[in-house]
Amino acid sequence: MWKIWLRQSKTSEATRVRLYNCYVLPILLHNCGTWALTQGDLISLERFHCQQLCRIIGVVYPATISNDKSEPASISLTTQSLAVIRHILRHPAGIPAYRYMDYKEDKWRGRQRLALPTVLDADLQTLSSGHRLRNTPDLYMLRLCAQDKQAWKEHLG
């Protein structure tokens, strides 16, 4: 594999990008649906992803490339987190992951702790479905929607 990266004259740019998307990106984003990233962490992940793509293509500092054709890593994170929540909601309500989604922590001093339910609520806000994940009735409505695969795809993509 290293020969492909080091000998850029022997392989085409499209082949190197395709290999990156097949072999490197899944490892970079493994279990990303369970991550609770801050905005700064998300920017760092995007920057690292673009840096690796530039390194593979062979673009050095003064030259720039547009990222219109590349999919941002944040889209993969959102789709994976929605897949995780659907997977959790299709199981019985007694499993630990479902109980964690319904758990209300005590108030802390300082900034609010970032947890997976708050990240999922933010992801749901970006969609046009109108669903939220703030309290138990919201979780119940999402659970009903997750039982029907067609309705889930219509509302939440």
C-alpha atoms as a PDB file:
ATOM      1  CA  MET A   1       0.000   0.000   0.000  1.00  0.00           C
ATOM      2  CA  TRP A   2       2.856   2.394   0.760  1.00  0.00           C
ATOM      3  CA  LYS A   3       4.145   2.001  -2.802  1.00  0.00           C
ATOM      4  CA  ILE A   4       0.887   3.473  -4.051  1.00  0.00           C
ATOM      5  CA  TRP A   5       1.236   6.541  -1.831  1.00  0.00           C
ATOM      6  CA  LEU A   6       4.962   7.054  -2.414  1.00  0.00           C
ATOM      7  CA  ARG A   7       4.995   6.479  -6.175  1.00  0.00           C
ATOM      8  CA  GLN A   8       2.362   8.941  -7.230  1.00  0.00           C
ATOM      9  CA  SER A   9       3.523   8.862 -10.831  1.00  0.00           C
ATOM     10  CA  LYS A  10       2.604   5.168 -11.101  1.00  0.00           C
ATOM     11  CA  THR A  11      -1.036   5.493  -9.991  1.00  0.00           C
ATOM     12  CA  SER A  12      -3.717   7.921 -11.045  1.00  0.00           C
ATOM     13  CA  GLU A  13      -5.204  10.510  -8.724  1.00  0.00           C
ATOM     14  CA  ALA A  14      -8.643   8.906  -8.947  1.00  0.00           C
ATOM     15  CA  THR A  15      -7.224   5.527  -7.902  1.00  0.00           C
ATOM     16  CA  ARG A  16      -5.435   7.007  -4.895  1.00  0.00           C
ATOM     17  CA  VAL A  17      -8.569   8.853  -3.763  1.00  0.00           C
ATOM     18  CA  ARG A  18     -10.687   5.734  -4.249  1.00  0.00           C
ATOM     19  CA  LEU A  19      -8.219   3.675  -2.187  1.00  0.00           C
ATOM     20  CA  TYR A  20      -8.233   6.360   0.512  1.00  0.00           C
ATOM     21  CA  ASN A  21     -12.029   6.264   0.631  1.00  0.00           C
ATOM     22  CA  CYS A  22     -12.012   2.449   0.780  1.00  0.00           C
ATOM     23  CA  TYR A  23      -9.205   1.773   3.248  1.00  0.00           C
ATOM     24  CA  VAL A  24      -8.360   4.874   5.284  1.00  0.00           C
ATOM     25  CA  LEU A  25     -11.647   6.730   5.722  1.00  0.00           C
ATOM     26  CA  PRO A  26     -13.528   3.781   7.316  1.00  0.00           C
ATOM     27  CA  ILE A  27     -10.751   3.417   9.883  1.00  0.00           C
ATOM     28  CA  LEU A  28     -10.710   7.168  10.533  1.00  0.00           C
ATOM     29  CA  LEU A  29     -14.485   7.274  11.051  1.00  0.00           C
ATOM     30  CA  HIS A  30     -14.912   3.894  12.774  1.00  0.00           C
ATOM     31  CA  ASN A  31     -17.829   4.058  15.255  1.00  0.00           C
ATOM     32  CA  CYS A  32     -18.247   7.769  14.548  1.00  0.00           C
ATOM     33  CA  GLY A  33     -21.972   7.464  15.232  1.00  0.00           C
ATOM     34  CA  THR A  34     -21.218   7.100  18.937  1.00  0.00           C
ATOM     35  CA  TRP A  35     -18.910  10.104  19.193  1.00  0.00           C
ATOM     36  CA  ALA A  36     -19.982  13.265  20.977  1.00  0.00           C
ATOM     37  CA  LEU A  37     -17.718  15.817  19.295  1.00  0.00           C
ATOM     38  CA  THR A  38     -17.527  19.484  20.129  1.00  0.00           C
ATOM     39  CA  GLN A  39     -17.502  21.997  17.292  1.00  0.00           C
ATOM     40  CA  GLY A  40     -13.734  22.368  17.667  1.00  0.00           C
ATOM     41  CA  ASP A  41     -13.217  18.609  17.461  1.00  0.00           C
ATOM     42  CA  LEU A  42     -15.391  18.472  14.359  1.00  0.00           C
ATOM     43  CA  ILE A  43     -13.361  21.245  12.709  1.00  0.00           C
ATOM     44  CA  SER A  44     -10.134  19.410  13.588  1.00  0.00           C
ATOM     45  CA  LEU A  45     -11.477  16.187  12.080  1.00  0.00           C
ATOM     46  CA  GLU A  46     -12.508  18.004   8.885  1.00  0.00           C
ATOM     47  CA  ARG A  47      -9.105  19.680   8.689  1.00  0.00           C
ATOM     48  CA  PHE A  48      -7.294  16.365   9.139  1.00  0.00           C
ATOM     49  CA  HIS A  49      -9.472  14.734   6.466  1.00  0.00           C
ATOM     50  CA  CYS A  50      -8.711  17.530   3.968  1.00  0.00           C
ATOM     51  CA  GLN A  51      -5.018  17.432   4.876  1.00  0.00           C
ATOM     52  CA  GLN A  52      -4.863  13.711   4.129  1.00  0.00           C
ATOM     53  CA  LEU A  53      -6.644  14.181   0.805  1.00  0.00           C
ATOM     54  CA  CYS A  54      -4.189  16.930  -0.176  1.00  0.00           C
ATOM     55  CA  ARG A  55      -1.283  14.706   0.790  1.00  0.00           C
ATOM     56  CA  ILE A  56      -2.619  11.844  -1.326  1.00  0.00           C
ATOM     57  CA  ILE A  57      -3.260  14.052  -4.340  1.00  0.00           C
ATOM     58  CA  GLY A  58       0.123  15.737  -3.941  1.00  0.00           C
ATOM     59  CA  VAL A  59      -0.998  19.318  -3.377  1.00  0.00           C
ATOM     60  CA  VAL A  60       1.491  21.421  -1.406  1.00  0.00           C
ATOM     61  CA  TYR A  61       0.944  24.737   0.392  1.00  0.00           C
ATOM     62  CA  PRO A  62       0.806  27.510  -2.195  1.00  0.00           C
ATOM     63  CA  ALA A  63      -1.516  25.527  -4.447  1.00  0.00           C
ATOM     64  CA  THR A  64      -5.114  25.046  -3.398  1.00  0.00           C
ATOM     65  CA  ILE A  65      -7.893  22.730  -4.456  1.00  0.00           C
ATOM     66  CA  SER A  66     -11.632  23.085  -4.143  1.00  0.00           C
ATOM     67  CA  ASN A  67     -13.519  20.665  -1.958  1.00  0.00           C
ATOM     68  CA  ASP A  68     -16.791  20.899  -3.886  1.00  0.00           C
ATOM     69  CA  LYS A  69     -16.683  17.261  -4.968  1.00  0.00           C
ATOM     70  CA  SER A  70     -15.526  15.783  -1.661  1.00  0.00           C
ATOM     71  CA  GLU A  71     -18.038  14.847   1.000  1.00  0.00           C
ATOM     72  CA  PRO A  72     -17.320  16.400   4.405  1.00  0.00           C
ATOM     73  CA  ALA A  73     -16.721  14.032   7.295  1.00  0.00           C
ATOM     74  CA  SER A  74     -19.535  15.723   9.232  1.00  0.00           C
ATOM     75  CA  ILE A  75     -22.102  14.245   6.836  1.00  0.00           C
ATOM     76  CA  SER A  76     -20.767  10.759   7.565  1.00  0.00           C
ATOM     77  CA  LEU A  77     -20.947  11.500  11.285  1.00  0.00           C
ATOM     78  CA  THR A  78     -24.573  12.642  11.033  1.00  0.00           C
ATOM     79  CA  THR A  79     -25.713   9.660   8.976  1.00  0.00           C
ATOM     80  CA  GLN A  80     -23.897   7.241  11.273  1.00  0.00           C
ATOM     81  CA  SER A  81     -25.362   8.813  14.409  1.00  0.00           C
ATOM     82  CA  LEU A  82     -28.872   8.587  12.941  1.00  0.00           C
ATOM     83  CA  ALA A  83     -28.219   4.932  12.118  1.00  0.00           C
ATOM     84  CA  VAL A  84     -27.087   4.347  15.714  1.00  0.00           C
ATOM     85  CA  ILE A  85     -30.170   5.997  17.205  1.00  0.00           C
ATOM     86  CA  ARG A  86     -32.471   3.989  14.925  1.00  0.00           C
ATOM     87  CA  HIS A  87     -30.664   0.805  15.944  1.00  0.00           C
ATOM     88  CA  ILE A  88     -31.074   1.693  19.635  1.00  0.00           C
ATOM     89  CA  LEU A  89     -34.730   2.627  19.268  1.00  0.00           C
ATOM     90  CA  ARG A  90     -35.684  -0.613  17.510  1.00  0.00           C
ATOM     91  CA  HIS A  91     -34.585  -2.669  20.530  1.00  0.00           C
ATOM     92  CA  PRO A  92     -36.570  -3.108  23.768  1.00  0.00           C
ATOM     93  CA  ALA A  93     -36.695  -0.123  26.096  1.00  0.00           C
ATOM     94  CA  GLY A  94     -34.828  -1.963  28.862  1.00  0.00           C
ATOM     95  CA  ILE A  95     -31.428  -2.117  27.169  1.00  0.00           C
ATOM     96  CA  PRO A  96     -28.719   0.120  28.690  1.00  0.00           C
ATOM     97  CA  ALA A  97     -28.299   2.242  25.550  1.00  0.00           C
ATOM     98  CA  TYR A  98     -32.000   3.135  25.553  1.00  0.00           C
ATOM     99  CA  ARG A  99     -31.928   3.943  29.261  1.00  0.00           C
ATOM    100  CA  TYR A 100     -28.932   6.211  28.659  1.00  0.00           C
ATOM    101  CA  MET A 101     -30.896   8.123  26.009  1.00  0.00           C
ATOM    102  CA  ASP A 102     -33.621   8.773  28.596  1.00  0.00           C
ATOM    103  CA  TYR A 103     -31.232   9.580  31.473  1.00  0.00           C
ATOM    104  CA  LYS A 104     -31.311  13.100  32.892  1.00  0.00           C
ATOM    105  CA  GLU A 105     -28.098  14.047  34.640  1.00  0.00           C
ATOM    106  CA  ASP A 106     -27.842  16.422  37.558  1.00  0.00           C
ATOM    107  CA  LYS A 107     -26.956  20.042  36.929  1.00  0.00           C
ATOM    108  CA  TRP A 108     -23.259  20.830  36.915  1.00  0.00           C
ATOM    109  CA  ARG A 109     -21.502  24.110  37.364  1.00  0.00           C
ATOM    110  CA  GLY A 110     -19.877  25.415  34.223  1.00  0.00           C
ATOM    111  CA  ARG A 111     -20.706  24.544  30.661  1.00  0.00           C
ATOM    112  CA  GLN A 112     -23.142  21.798  29.817  1.00  0.00           C
ATOM    113  CA  ARG A 113     -21.588  18.368  29.412  1.00  0.00           C
ATOM    114  CA  LEU A 114     -21.595  17.098  25.858  1.00  0.00           C
ATOM    115  CA  ALA A 115     -23.176  13.666  25.608  1.00  0.00           C
ATOM    116  CA  LEU A 116     -24.515  11.562  22.770  1.00  0.00           C
ATOM    117  CA  PRO A 117     -28.194  12.511  23.291  1.00  0.00           C
ATOM    118  CA  THR A 118     -27.374  16.222  22.985  1.00  0.00           C
ATOM    119  CA  VAL A 119     -25.364  15.579  19.818  1.00  0.00           C
ATOM    120  CA  LEU A 120     -28.225  13.523  18.388  1.00  0.00           C
ATOM    121  CA  ASP A 121     -30.661  16.319  19.226  1.00  0.00           C
ATOM    122  CA  ALA A 122     -28.426  18.773  17.370  1.00  0.00           C
ATOM    123  CA  ASP A 123     -28.269  16.393  14.395  1.00  0.00           C
ATOM    124  CA  LEU A 124     -32.048  16.078  14.400  1.00  0.00           C
ATOM    125  CA  GLN A 125     -32.374  19.877  14.408  1.00  0.00           C
ATOM    126  CA  THR A 126     -30.399  20.106  11.166  1.00  0.00           C
ATOM    127  CA  LEU A 127     -32.990  17.950   9.408  1.00  0.00           C
ATOM    128  CA  SER A 128     -36.324  19.284   8.234  1.00  0.00           C
ATOM    129  CA  SER A 129     -38.323  16.556   9.979  1.00  0.00           C
ATOM    130  CA  GLY A 130     -39.105  18.586  13.106  1.00  0.00           C
ATOM    131  CA  HIS A 131     -38.117  15.753  15.475  1.00  0.00           C
ATOM    132  CA  ARG A 132     -36.203  16.552  18.658  1.00  0.00           C
ATOM    133  CA  LEU A 133     -34.629  14.540  21.475  1.00  0.00           C
ATOM    134  CA  ARG A 134     -35.173  16.670  24.575  1.00  0.00           C
ATOM    135  CA  ASN A 135     -37.388  14.552  26.805  1.00  0.00           C
ATOM    136  CA  THR A 136     -39.125  11.190  27.164  1.00  0.00           C
ATOM    137  CA  PRO A 137     -42.101  11.942  24.852  1.00  0.00           C
ATOM    138  CA  ASP A 138     -39.668  12.962  22.101  1.00  0.00           C
ATOM    139  CA  LEU A 139     -37.810   9.695  22.587  1.00  0.00           C
ATOM    140  CA  TYR A 140     -41.102   7.784  22.393  1.00  0.00           C
ATOM    141  CA  MET A 141     -42.076   9.530  19.134  1.00  0.00           C
ATOM    142  CA  LEU A 142     -38.678   8.736  17.643  1.00  0.00           C
ATOM    143  CA  ARG A 143     -39.109   5.139  18.791  1.00  0.00           C
ATOM    144  CA  LEU A 144     -42.421   4.886  16.931  1.00  0.00           C
ATOM    145  CA  CYS A 145     -40.837   6.375  13.824  1.00  0.00           C
ATOM    146  CA  ALA A 146     -37.858   3.991  14.040  1.00  0.00           C
ATOM    147  CA  GLN A 147     -40.122   0.932  13.994  1.00  0.00           C
ATOM    148  CA  ASP A 148     -41.260   1.805  10.459  1.00  0.00           C
ATOM    149  CA  LYS A 149     -38.281   1.815   8.105  1.00  0.00           C
ATOM    150  CA  GLN A 150     -40.128   3.663   5.344  1.00  0.00           C
ATOM    151  CA  ALA A 151     -41.261   6.451   7.686  1.00  0.00           C
ATOM    152  CA  TRP A 152     -37.731   6.761   9.085  1.00  0.00           C
ATOM    153  CA  LYS A 153     -36.280   7.185   5.601  1.00  0.00           C
ATOM    154  CA  GLU A 154     -38.932   9.755   4.680  1.00  0.00           C
ATOM    155  CA  HIS A 155     -38.485  11.892   7.787  1.00  0.00           C
ATOM    156  CA  LEU A 156     -34.867  11.393   8.756  1.00  0.00           C
ATOM    157  CA  GLY A 157     -33.152  10.336   5.560  1.00  0.00           C
END
